[in-house]
């Protein structure tokens, strides 16, 4: 299943089912604007280093255990003298820091945070590392919101992934 579906599922299970089971999607002004804003973050051909930070854009990610796949807008590999992963052709070790770009402003619910958490969990599984935090960047406020990837958030993502797979296998969404 698409990792980005976690955000839809957390917001509204019916919305998720319409998009991911019934394949009903209609572009509107807000979604079109969000797509344009994401184009820069998703430019996989643009690599960038900022001091001891290496940016990877549009990085494909997956989790075999959760059955999710998608793309990270940006993953920052931050040089870290204490712990981290090795990068081909680079000296030292790097911590892994996902950054998800969002069109609007920070929300009161967990929808965006759960999507970022799912990305962190995929990165952990793929890279055999720990991702304790990441960030949400909101275009409207032009600010990052740091997010701690807690065990409670991880449990919610696992539960949602299981529930989404159940609905997808049945090809319908049971209304509670």
N, C-alpha and C. Protein backbone atom coordinates (compact mmCIF):
# COMPACT_ATOMS: atom_id res chain seq x y z
N UNK A 1 0.84 -1.19 0.00
CA UNK A 1 0.00 0.00 0.00
C UNK A 1 0.88 1.25 0.00
N UNK A 2 0.29 2.34 -0.47
CA UNK A 2 1.03 3.61 -0.50
C UNK A 2 1.18 4.17 0.91
N UNK A 3 2.41 4.50 1.25
CA UNK A 3 2.70 5.04 2.57
C UNK A 3 1.92 6.33 2.81
N UNK A 4 1.75 7.17 1.81
CA UNK A 4 1.04 8.43 1.99
C UNK A 4 -0.42 8.21 2.40
N UNK A 5 -0.93 7.00 2.18
CA UNK A 5 -2.29 6.68 2.59
C UNK A 5 -2.50 6.74 4.08
N UNK A 6 -1.43 6.59 4.86
CA UNK A 6 -1.54 6.70 6.32
C UNK A 6 -2.15 8.05 6.70
N UNK A 7 -1.70 9.11 6.04
CA UNK A 7 -2.20 10.45 6.33
C UNK A 7 -3.70 10.53 6.01
N UNK A 8 -4.11 10.00 4.87
CA UNK A 8 -5.53 9.99 4.50
C UNK A 8 -6.34 9.15 5.49
N UNK A 9 -5.81 7.98 5.83
CA UNK A 9 -6.50 7.05 6.72
C UNK A 9 -6.71 7.67 8.11
N UNK A 10 -5.68 8.34 8.63
CA UNK A 10 -5.79 8.97 9.94
C UNK A 10 -6.81 10.11 9.93
N UNK A 11 -6.90 10.79 8.80
CA UNK A 11 -7.86 11.90 8.67
C UNK A 11 -9.28 11.38 8.54
N UNK A 12 -9.48 10.39 7.64
CA UNK A 12 -10.83 9.88 7.39
C UNK A 12 -10.71 8.54 6.66
N UNK A 13 -11.15 7.48 7.31
CA UNK A 13 -11.06 6.15 6.70
C UNK A 13 -11.84 6.09 5.38
N UNK A 14 -12.98 6.76 5.32
CA UNK A 14 -13.77 6.76 4.09
C UNK A 14 -13.01 7.45 2.95
N UNK A 15 -12.37 8.57 3.27
CA UNK A 15 -11.57 9.26 2.26
C UNK A 15 -10.47 8.33 1.74
N UNK A 16 -9.81 7.65 2.67
CA UNK A 16 -8.75 6.71 2.27
C UNK A 16 -9.32 5.64 1.34
N UNK A 17 -10.47 5.07 1.70
CA UNK A 17 -11.07 4.00 0.88
C UNK A 17 -11.44 4.51 -0.50
N UNK A 18 -11.99 5.72 -0.58
CA UNK A 18 -12.34 6.28 -1.88
C UNK A 18 -11.10 6.44 -2.77
N UNK A 19 -10.02 6.90 -2.18
CA UNK A 19 -8.79 7.13 -2.95
C UNK A 19 -8.07 5.82 -3.27
N UNK A 20 -7.89 4.96 -2.26
CA UNK A 20 -6.99 3.82 -2.40
C UNK A 20 -7.68 2.49 -2.75
N UNK A 21 -8.98 2.40 -2.53
CA UNK A 21 -9.71 1.18 -2.92
C UNK A 21 -10.56 1.45 -4.16
N UNK A 22 -11.36 2.53 -4.11
CA UNK A 22 -12.26 2.82 -5.22
C UNK A 22 -11.60 3.62 -6.34
N UNK A 23 -10.37 4.08 -6.11
CA UNK A 23 -9.61 4.85 -7.11
C UNK A 23 -10.39 6.08 -7.58
N UNK A 24 -11.02 6.76 -6.62
CA UNK A 24 -11.76 7.98 -6.90
C UNK A 24 -10.92 9.15 -6.39
N UNK A 25 -10.44 9.94 -7.31
CA UNK A 25 -9.61 11.09 -6.93
C UNK A 25 -9.86 12.20 -7.92
N UNK A 26 -10.03 13.38 -7.41
CA UNK A 26 -10.26 14.54 -8.26
C UNK A 26 -9.32 15.65 -7.81
N UNK A 27 -8.51 16.10 -8.73
CA UNK A 27 -7.58 17.20 -8.44
C UNK A 27 -8.41 18.47 -8.22
N UNK A 28 -8.03 19.26 -7.22
CA UNK A 28 -8.66 20.56 -7.02
C UNK A 28 -7.56 21.60 -6.86
N UNK A 29 -7.94 22.83 -6.62
CA UNK A 29 -6.98 23.93 -6.53
C UNK A 29 -5.93 23.68 -5.44
N UNK A 30 -6.38 23.23 -4.28
CA UNK A 30 -5.45 23.01 -3.16
C UNK A 30 -4.48 21.85 -3.44
N UNK A 31 -5.00 20.76 -4.00
CA UNK A 31 -4.11 19.62 -4.27
C UNK A 31 -3.15 19.94 -5.42
N UNK A 32 -3.62 20.69 -6.41
CA UNK A 32 -2.75 21.09 -7.53
C UNK A 32 -1.63 22.00 -7.02
N UNK A 33 -1.99 22.94 -6.15
CA UNK A 33 -1.00 23.84 -5.58
C UNK A 33 0.02 23.05 -4.75
N UNK A 34 -0.46 22.10 -3.96
CA UNK A 34 0.44 21.27 -3.16
C UNK A 34 1.40 20.47 -4.03
N UNK A 35 0.91 19.97 -5.15
CA UNK A 35 1.74 19.20 -6.09
C UNK A 35 2.86 20.07 -6.66
N UNK A 36 2.53 21.30 -7.02
CA UNK A 36 3.53 22.23 -7.56
C UNK A 36 4.59 22.54 -6.50
N UNK A 37 4.16 22.77 -5.27
CA UNK A 37 5.10 23.08 -4.19
C UNK A 37 6.01 21.88 -3.90
N UNK A 38 5.50 20.67 -4.06
CA UNK A 38 6.29 19.46 -3.82
C UNK A 38 7.32 19.19 -4.92
N UNK A 39 7.09 19.72 -6.11
CA UNK A 39 7.98 19.41 -7.24
C UNK A 39 9.45 19.70 -6.91
N UNK A 40 9.74 20.79 -6.23
CA UNK A 40 11.12 21.12 -5.87
C UNK A 40 11.69 20.11 -4.90
N UNK A 41 10.91 19.75 -3.89
CA UNK A 41 11.38 18.78 -2.89
C UNK A 41 11.59 17.41 -3.52
N UNK A 42 10.82 17.09 -4.55
CA UNK A 42 10.88 15.77 -5.18
C UNK A 42 11.82 15.69 -6.36
N UNK A 43 12.65 16.68 -6.57
CA UNK A 43 13.58 16.65 -7.70
C UNK A 43 14.73 15.71 -7.37
N UNK A 44 14.56 14.45 -7.75
CA UNK A 44 15.54 13.41 -7.41
C UNK A 44 16.88 13.64 -8.09
N UNK A 45 16.92 14.47 -9.12
CA UNK A 45 18.16 14.72 -9.84
C UNK A 45 18.98 15.84 -9.20
N UNK A 46 18.41 16.51 -8.21
CA UNK A 46 19.12 17.57 -7.50
C UNK A 46 19.70 16.99 -6.21
N UNK A 47 21.01 16.88 -6.15
CA UNK A 47 21.63 16.47 -4.89
C UNK A 47 22.25 17.72 -4.28
N UNK A 48 22.35 17.67 -2.98
CA UNK A 48 22.77 18.88 -2.29
C UNK A 48 23.49 18.52 -1.01
N UNK A 49 24.53 19.25 -0.70
CA UNK A 49 25.20 19.12 0.58
C UNK A 49 25.23 20.49 1.22
N UNK A 50 24.97 20.52 2.50
CA UNK A 50 25.03 21.76 3.27
C UNK A 50 25.94 21.51 4.46
N UNK A 51 27.20 21.81 4.30
CA UNK A 51 28.16 21.53 5.36
C UNK A 51 28.27 20.03 5.57
N UNK A 52 27.92 19.58 6.75
CA UNK A 52 28.00 18.15 7.07
C UNK A 52 26.64 17.46 6.93
N UNK A 53 25.75 18.06 6.16
CA UNK A 53 24.42 17.47 5.90
C UNK A 53 24.29 17.19 4.41
N UNK A 54 23.93 15.95 4.09
CA UNK A 54 23.69 15.55 2.70
C UNK A 54 22.19 15.36 2.53
N UNK A 55 21.61 15.99 1.51
CA UNK A 55 20.18 15.90 1.27
C UNK A 55 19.89 14.94 0.13
N UNK A 56 18.99 14.01 0.38
CA UNK A 56 18.51 13.10 -0.65
C UNK A 56 17.05 13.44 -0.88
N UNK A 57 16.69 13.73 -2.13
CA UNK A 57 15.32 14.12 -2.47
C UNK A 57 14.60 12.97 -3.16
N UNK A 58 13.29 12.88 -2.92
CA UNK A 58 12.44 11.86 -3.56
C UNK A 58 13.02 10.46 -3.36
N UNK A 59 13.43 10.17 -2.15
CA UNK A 59 14.06 8.88 -1.85
C UNK A 59 12.98 7.80 -1.73
N UNK A 60 13.05 6.76 -2.59
CA UNK A 60 12.09 5.66 -2.49
C UNK A 60 12.31 4.88 -1.20
N UNK A 61 11.21 4.59 -0.50
CA UNK A 61 11.31 3.84 0.75
C UNK A 61 10.23 2.76 0.78
N UNK A 62 10.43 1.77 1.67
CA UNK A 62 9.45 0.70 1.81
C UNK A 62 9.63 0.02 3.16
N UNK A 63 8.60 -0.70 3.55
CA UNK A 63 8.66 -1.56 4.72
C UNK A 63 8.02 -2.88 4.34
N UNK A 64 8.80 -3.94 4.36
CA UNK A 64 8.24 -5.27 4.09
C UNK A 64 7.33 -5.70 5.24
N UNK A 65 7.69 -5.35 6.47
CA UNK A 65 6.89 -5.79 7.61
C UNK A 65 5.53 -5.12 7.66
N UNK A 66 5.43 -3.86 7.23
CA UNK A 66 4.14 -3.16 7.24
C UNK A 66 3.46 -3.19 5.88
N UNK A 67 4.18 -3.60 4.84
CA UNK A 67 3.59 -3.64 3.50
C UNK A 67 3.29 -2.25 2.96
N UNK A 68 4.19 -1.31 3.21
CA UNK A 68 4.02 0.08 2.76
C UNK A 68 5.21 0.48 1.91
N UNK A 69 4.95 1.34 0.93
CA UNK A 69 6.05 1.91 0.15
C UNK A 69 5.67 3.32 -0.28
N UNK A 70 6.68 4.10 -0.59
CA UNK A 70 6.44 5.48 -1.01
C UNK A 70 7.73 6.20 -1.24
N UNK A 71 7.70 7.49 -1.00
CA UNK A 71 8.85 8.36 -1.21
C UNK A 71 8.93 9.37 -0.08
N UNK A 72 10.15 9.61 0.37
CA UNK A 72 10.37 10.71 1.31
C UNK A 72 10.63 11.97 0.49
N UNK A 73 10.04 13.08 0.89
CA UNK A 73 10.32 14.33 0.20
C UNK A 73 11.81 14.62 0.28
N UNK A 74 12.34 14.64 1.50
CA UNK A 74 13.77 14.88 1.73
C UNK A 74 14.22 14.00 2.89
N UNK A 75 15.40 13.41 2.74
CA UNK A 75 16.05 12.75 3.86
C UNK A 75 17.39 13.44 4.03
N UNK A 76 17.61 13.95 5.23
CA UNK A 76 18.89 14.57 5.54
C UNK A 76 19.77 13.53 6.23
N UNK A 77 20.97 13.37 5.72
CA UNK A 77 21.97 12.52 6.35
C UNK A 77 22.93 13.47 7.04
N UNK A 78 22.88 13.48 8.37
CA UNK A 78 23.65 14.44 9.17
C UNK A 78 24.86 13.75 9.78
N UNK A 79 26.04 14.30 9.48
CA UNK A 79 27.27 13.70 10.03
C UNK A 79 27.17 13.67 11.54
N UNK A 80 27.52 12.50 12.11
CA UNK A 80 27.35 12.29 13.53
C UNK A 80 28.55 11.47 14.02
N UNK A 81 29.31 12.02 14.92
CA UNK A 81 30.53 11.32 15.36
C UNK A 81 30.23 10.13 16.27
N UNK A 82 29.03 10.09 16.88
CA UNK A 82 28.73 9.05 17.86
C UNK A 82 28.10 7.80 17.26
N UNK A 83 27.05 7.97 16.45
CA UNK A 83 26.36 6.80 15.91
C UNK A 83 25.66 7.18 14.61
N UNK A 84 25.42 6.16 13.80
CA UNK A 84 24.74 6.40 12.54
C UNK A 84 25.06 5.32 11.53
N UNK A 85 24.81 5.63 10.27
CA UNK A 85 25.05 4.68 9.19
C UNK A 85 26.19 5.17 8.31
N UNK A 86 26.82 4.26 7.61
CA UNK A 86 27.85 4.60 6.65
C UNK A 86 27.19 4.93 5.32
N UNK A 87 27.77 5.89 4.60
CA UNK A 87 27.30 6.22 3.26
C UNK A 87 28.41 5.95 2.27
N UNK A 88 28.06 5.32 1.16
CA UNK A 88 29.05 4.97 0.13
C UNK A 88 29.79 6.22 -0.33
N UNK A 89 31.10 6.14 -0.30
CA UNK A 89 31.94 7.24 -0.78
C UNK A 89 32.12 8.38 0.20
N UNK A 90 31.62 8.22 1.42
CA UNK A 90 31.72 9.28 2.43
C UNK A 90 32.42 8.73 3.67
N UNK A 91 33.19 9.57 4.31
CA UNK A 91 33.84 9.19 5.56
C UNK A 91 32.90 9.46 6.73
N UNK A 92 33.03 8.67 7.77
CA UNK A 92 32.24 8.87 8.98
C UNK A 92 30.89 8.19 8.92
N UNK A 93 30.08 8.51 9.92
CA UNK A 93 28.73 7.97 10.00
C UNK A 93 27.72 9.12 10.05
N UNK A 94 26.49 8.80 9.64
CA UNK A 94 25.46 9.83 9.49
C UNK A 94 24.16 9.38 10.14
N UNK A 95 23.51 10.30 10.84
CA UNK A 95 22.18 10.03 11.35
C UNK A 95 21.19 10.32 10.22
N UNK A 96 20.00 9.72 10.32
CA UNK A 96 18.99 9.80 9.27
C UNK A 96 17.83 10.65 9.79
N UNK A 97 17.45 11.67 9.00
CA UNK A 97 16.46 12.66 9.44
C UNK A 97 15.48 12.95 8.29
N UNK A 98 14.28 12.33 8.31
CA UNK A 98 13.31 12.60 7.24
C UNK A 98 12.61 13.95 7.43
N UNK A 99 12.32 14.61 6.30
CA UNK A 99 11.58 15.87 6.31
C UNK A 99 10.44 15.75 5.31
N UNK A 100 9.21 15.89 5.79
CA UNK A 100 8.03 15.82 4.95
C UNK A 100 7.51 17.24 4.71
N UNK A 101 7.26 17.58 3.46
CA UNK A 101 6.77 18.90 3.08
C UNK A 101 5.25 18.87 2.97
N UNK A 102 4.61 19.88 3.54
CA UNK A 102 3.15 20.00 3.51
C UNK A 102 2.77 21.40 3.05
N UNK A 103 1.68 21.47 2.29
CA UNK A 103 1.22 22.71 1.69
C UNK A 103 0.79 23.75 2.72
N UNK A 104 -0.02 23.36 3.69
CA UNK A 104 -0.67 24.30 4.59
C UNK A 104 0.14 24.67 5.82
N UNK A 105 -0.53 24.66 6.95
CA UNK A 105 0.10 24.99 8.23
C UNK A 105 -0.08 23.80 9.17
N UNK A 106 0.63 23.82 10.31
CA UNK A 106 0.53 22.69 11.25
C UNK A 106 -0.92 22.43 11.66
N UNK A 107 -1.23 21.15 11.80
CA UNK A 107 -2.58 20.72 12.16
C UNK A 107 -2.64 20.30 13.62
N UNK A 108 -3.83 20.29 14.15
CA UNK A 108 -4.01 19.87 15.54
C UNK A 108 -4.08 18.35 15.67
N UNK A 109 -4.40 17.66 14.56
CA UNK A 109 -4.48 16.20 14.62
C UNK A 109 -3.11 15.58 14.30
N UNK A 110 -3.05 14.26 14.28
CA UNK A 110 -1.79 13.55 14.08
C UNK A 110 -1.54 13.09 12.64
N UNK A 111 -2.41 13.47 11.70
CA UNK A 111 -2.33 12.95 10.33
C UNK A 111 -0.93 13.08 9.73
N UNK A 112 -0.40 14.29 9.72
CA UNK A 112 0.92 14.53 9.12
C UNK A 112 2.03 13.84 9.92
N UNK A 113 1.89 13.86 11.23
CA UNK A 113 2.89 13.24 12.10
C UNK A 113 2.95 11.73 11.87
N UNK A 114 1.80 11.11 11.66
CA UNK A 114 1.77 9.66 11.41
C UNK A 114 2.42 9.32 10.07
N UNK A 115 2.24 10.16 9.06
CA UNK A 115 2.91 9.92 7.78
C UNK A 115 4.42 10.00 7.95
N UNK A 116 4.90 11.00 8.69
CA UNK A 116 6.34 11.14 8.94
C UNK A 116 6.85 9.95 9.76
N UNK A 117 6.07 9.50 10.72
CA UNK A 117 6.45 8.34 11.53
C UNK A 117 6.59 7.11 10.66
N UNK A 118 5.64 6.90 9.75
CA UNK A 118 5.72 5.76 8.83
C UNK A 118 6.98 5.84 7.97
N UNK A 119 7.33 7.03 7.53
CA UNK A 119 8.57 7.20 6.76
C UNK A 119 9.78 6.83 7.60
N UNK A 120 9.81 7.29 8.84
CA UNK A 120 10.93 6.98 9.73
C UNK A 120 11.05 5.47 9.94
N UNK A 121 9.91 4.80 10.10
CA UNK A 121 9.91 3.35 10.31
C UNK A 121 10.42 2.61 9.07
N UNK A 122 10.04 3.09 7.90
CA UNK A 122 10.55 2.48 6.66
C UNK A 122 12.06 2.67 6.56
N UNK A 123 12.53 3.87 6.85
CA UNK A 123 13.97 4.14 6.80
C UNK A 123 14.73 3.26 7.79
N UNK A 124 14.18 3.08 8.98
CA UNK A 124 14.82 2.23 9.98
C UNK A 124 14.95 0.80 9.46
N UNK A 125 13.89 0.29 8.88
CA UNK A 125 13.90 -1.08 8.37
C UNK A 125 14.89 -1.22 7.21
N UNK A 126 14.89 -0.26 6.31
CA UNK A 126 15.75 -0.33 5.13
C UNK A 126 17.23 -0.15 5.46
N UNK A 127 17.52 0.78 6.38
CA UNK A 127 18.91 1.17 6.64
C UNK A 127 19.47 0.57 7.92
N UNK A 128 18.65 -0.24 8.63
CA UNK A 128 19.09 -0.87 9.89
C UNK A 128 19.64 0.18 10.85
N UNK A 129 18.81 1.16 11.15
CA UNK A 129 19.21 2.24 12.04
C UNK A 129 18.01 2.65 12.88
N UNK A 130 18.22 3.63 13.73
CA UNK A 130 17.15 4.22 14.52
C UNK A 130 16.94 5.65 14.04
N UNK A 131 15.69 6.02 13.86
CA UNK A 131 15.34 7.39 13.46
C UNK A 131 14.49 7.97 14.59
N UNK A 132 15.11 8.68 15.53
CA UNK A 132 14.37 9.17 16.69
C UNK A 132 13.52 10.41 16.43
N UNK A 133 13.83 11.14 15.34
CA UNK A 133 13.04 12.32 15.05
C UNK A 133 13.14 12.70 13.58
N UNK A 134 12.23 13.57 13.18
CA UNK A 134 12.19 14.10 11.83
C UNK A 134 11.51 15.45 11.90
N UNK A 135 11.10 15.97 10.74
CA UNK A 135 10.46 17.29 10.74
C UNK A 135 9.39 17.36 9.66
N UNK A 136 8.40 18.19 9.94
CA UNK A 136 7.38 18.55 8.96
C UNK A 136 7.64 20.00 8.58
N UNK A 137 7.75 20.27 7.29
CA UNK A 137 7.94 21.64 6.81
C UNK A 137 6.64 22.09 6.18
N UNK A 138 6.10 23.20 6.67
CA UNK A 138 4.84 23.73 6.17
C UNK A 138 5.10 24.96 5.31
N UNK A 139 4.62 24.90 4.05
CA UNK A 139 4.83 26.00 3.12
C UNK A 139 4.15 27.28 3.58
N UNK A 140 2.97 27.15 4.19
CA UNK A 140 2.22 28.33 4.60
C UNK A 140 2.97 29.15 5.64
N UNK A 141 3.57 28.48 6.61
CA UNK A 141 4.30 29.18 7.68
C UNK A 141 5.79 29.29 7.39
N UNK A 142 6.26 28.52 6.40
CA UNK A 142 7.68 28.46 6.05
C UNK A 142 8.53 28.10 7.28
N UNK A 143 8.02 27.17 8.05
CA UNK A 143 8.69 26.72 9.28
C UNK A 143 8.68 25.20 9.34
N UNK A 144 9.69 24.68 10.01
CA UNK A 144 9.76 23.26 10.32
C UNK A 144 9.18 23.03 11.71
N UNK A 145 8.52 21.90 11.84
CA UNK A 145 8.05 21.45 13.15
C UNK A 145 8.78 20.14 13.43
N UNK A 146 9.59 20.14 14.48
CA UNK A 146 10.33 18.93 14.85
C UNK A 146 9.37 17.93 15.48
N UNK A 147 9.52 16.65 15.09
CA UNK A 147 8.64 15.59 15.59
C UNK A 147 9.49 14.48 16.19
N UNK A 148 9.24 14.15 17.45
CA UNK A 148 9.86 12.99 18.08
C UNK A 148 9.08 11.75 17.66
N UNK A 149 9.79 10.74 17.18
CA UNK A 149 9.16 9.51 16.73
C UNK A 149 9.05 8.58 17.94
N UNK A 150 7.91 8.63 18.60
CA UNK A 150 7.72 7.89 19.85
C UNK A 150 7.21 6.48 19.57
N UNK A 151 7.29 5.64 20.59
CA UNK A 151 6.77 4.27 20.47
C UNK A 151 5.26 4.28 20.29
N UNK A 152 4.58 5.21 20.92
CA UNK A 152 3.12 5.34 20.77
C UNK A 152 2.76 5.64 19.31
N UNK A 153 3.49 6.55 18.68
CA UNK A 153 3.24 6.86 17.27
C UNK A 153 3.53 5.65 16.39
N UNK A 154 4.60 4.93 16.69
CA UNK A 154 4.95 3.73 15.92
C UNK A 154 3.84 2.68 16.02
N UNK A 155 3.30 2.49 17.23
CA UNK A 155 2.22 1.52 17.43
C UNK A 155 0.99 1.92 16.62
N UNK A 156 0.67 3.20 16.61
CA UNK A 156 -0.48 3.68 15.84
C UNK A 156 -0.29 3.41 14.35
N UNK A 157 0.92 3.68 13.85
CA UNK A 157 1.20 3.43 12.42
C UNK A 157 1.05 1.94 12.11
N UNK A 158 1.62 1.08 12.96
CA UNK A 158 1.49 -0.38 12.73
C UNK A 158 0.03 -0.81 12.72
N UNK A 159 -0.74 -0.30 13.69
CA UNK A 159 -2.17 -0.65 13.76
C UNK A 159 -2.93 -0.16 12.53
N UNK A 160 -2.66 1.06 12.11
CA UNK A 160 -3.31 1.61 10.92
C UNK A 160 -2.92 0.81 9.68
N UNK A 161 -1.66 0.45 9.55
CA UNK A 161 -1.21 -0.33 8.38
C UNK A 161 -1.94 -1.67 8.35
N UNK A 162 -2.06 -2.33 9.49
CA UNK A 162 -2.79 -3.61 9.55
C UNK A 162 -4.26 -3.41 9.15
N UNK A 163 -4.88 -2.37 9.69
CA UNK A 163 -6.29 -2.10 9.39
C UNK A 163 -6.47 -1.77 7.90
N UNK A 164 -5.57 -0.98 7.33
CA UNK A 164 -5.64 -0.63 5.91
C UNK A 164 -5.52 -1.88 5.04
N UNK A 165 -4.61 -2.78 5.39
CA UNK A 165 -4.45 -4.02 4.63
C UNK A 165 -5.71 -4.87 4.70
N UNK A 166 -6.35 -4.90 5.86
CA UNK A 166 -7.60 -5.65 5.99
C UNK A 166 -8.68 -5.09 5.09
N UNK A 167 -8.86 -3.78 5.10
CA UNK A 167 -9.86 -3.15 4.23
C UNK A 167 -9.52 -3.38 2.76
N UNK A 168 -8.25 -3.25 2.43
CA UNK A 168 -7.83 -3.41 1.03
C UNK A 168 -8.07 -4.84 0.56
N UNK A 169 -7.78 -5.82 1.41
CA UNK A 169 -7.99 -7.22 1.04
C UNK A 169 -9.48 -7.52 0.79
N UNK A 170 -10.35 -6.90 1.60
CA UNK A 170 -11.79 -7.10 1.43
C UNK A 170 -12.36 -6.21 0.33
N UNK A 171 -11.58 -5.20 -0.09
CA UNK A 171 -12.00 -4.21 -1.09
C UNK A 171 -13.20 -3.37 -0.65
N UNK A 172 -13.30 -3.18 0.65
CA UNK A 172 -14.29 -2.25 1.16
C UNK A 172 -13.86 -1.76 2.52
N UNK A 173 -14.50 -0.72 2.98
CA UNK A 173 -14.21 -0.15 4.28
C UNK A 173 -15.45 -0.32 5.14
N UNK A 174 -15.30 -1.06 6.23
CA UNK A 174 -16.40 -1.28 7.15
C UNK A 174 -16.65 -0.01 7.96
N UNK A 175 -17.85 0.48 7.95
CA UNK A 175 -18.19 1.69 8.69
C UNK A 175 -18.46 1.29 10.13
N UNK A 176 -17.79 1.98 11.07
CA UNK A 176 -17.99 1.65 12.48
C UNK A 176 -19.13 2.43 13.07
